[in-house]
Protein backbone atom coordinates (compact mmCIF):
# COMPACT_ATOMS: atom_id res chain seq x y z
CA MET A 1 -10.52 29.26 2.10
CA PHE A 2 -8.08 27.52 0.00
CA LYS A 3 -4.58 27.15 1.24
CA ARG A 4 -1.48 25.88 -0.68
CA LEU A 5 1.65 24.82 1.23
CA ASN A 6 4.98 24.61 -0.38
CA PRO A 7 8.25 23.95 1.49
CA GLN A 8 9.39 27.91 0.56
CA ALA A 9 5.78 29.83 0.88
CA THR A 10 2.43 29.40 2.15
CA LEU A 11 -0.42 31.21 0.18
CA THR A 12 -3.91 31.42 1.46
CA LEU A 13 -6.96 32.87 -0.69
CA SER A 14 -10.44 33.58 1.48
CA PHE A 15 -13.82 34.77 0.03
CA TRP A 16 -16.13 36.25 2.93
CA GLN A 17 -19.62 37.93 3.16
CA ASN A 18 -21.10 39.57 5.88
CA ASP A 19 -24.99 40.31 6.04
CA MET A 20 -26.26 42.70 8.68
CA ASP A 21 -29.76 43.71 9.54
CA ASP A 22 -30.24 47.31 11.67
CA ALA A 23 -26.51 48.73 11.17
CA ILE A 24 -25.97 52.04 12.47
CA PHE A 25 -23.47 54.22 10.30
CA ARG A 26 -21.14 56.71 11.80
CA GLN A 27 -19.96 59.75 9.37
CA THR A 28 -17.87 62.45 10.80
CA ASN A 29 -17.44 65.82 8.99
CA VAL A 30 -13.43 66.25 8.69
CA PHE A 31 -14.14 70.05 8.42
CA THR A 32 -16.30 70.57 11.31
CA LEU A 33 -15.75 67.67 13.29
CA VAL A 34 -19.41 67.06 13.71
CA THR A 35 -20.19 63.45 13.78
CA ASN A 36 -23.64 62.11 12.67
CA TYR A 37 -25.20 58.64 13.26
CA GLN A 38 -27.74 57.10 10.68
CA ASN A 39 -29.95 54.01 11.00
CA ILE A 40 -29.46 51.74 7.77
CA ASP A 41 -31.76 48.53 7.28
CA ARG A 42 -29.40 46.27 5.52
CA VAL A 43 -25.53 45.85 4.96
CA ARG A 44 -24.01 43.20 2.78
CA SER A 45 -20.29 43.43 2.85
CA ARG A 46 -18.07 40.98 0.66
CA GLY A 47 -14.41 40.69 -0.24
CA ILE A 48 -11.63 38.68 -1.23
CA GLU A 49 -8.39 38.29 0.72
CA PHE A 50 -5.08 37.07 -0.83
CA ILE A 51 -2.17 36.39 1.80
CA GLY A 52 1.30 35.51 0.90
CA PRO A 53 4.87 36.11 1.65
CA CYS A 54 6.50 39.35 0.01
CA GLN A 55 10.15 39.79 -0.34
CA GLY A 56 11.95 43.10 -0.71
CA TYR A 57 10.47 46.69 -0.43
CA TRP A 58 6.93 47.58 -1.44
CA SER A 59 5.25 51.07 -1.62
CA LEU A 60 2.44 52.74 -2.75
CA PRO A 61 2.74 55.91 -5.21
């Protein structure tokens, strides 16, 4: 994690990774509402997270 401090703002940047063995995946059919479960041998999740202040109004198209 990297963090930059400033009198006006704090910015944080994080990198993460999760490794999981013997995961159970759940999937629901949105039309029939039937839920299925499936064993998955290995799962790896990776990501980047950026946190900082926001001024004004944000919206997604």
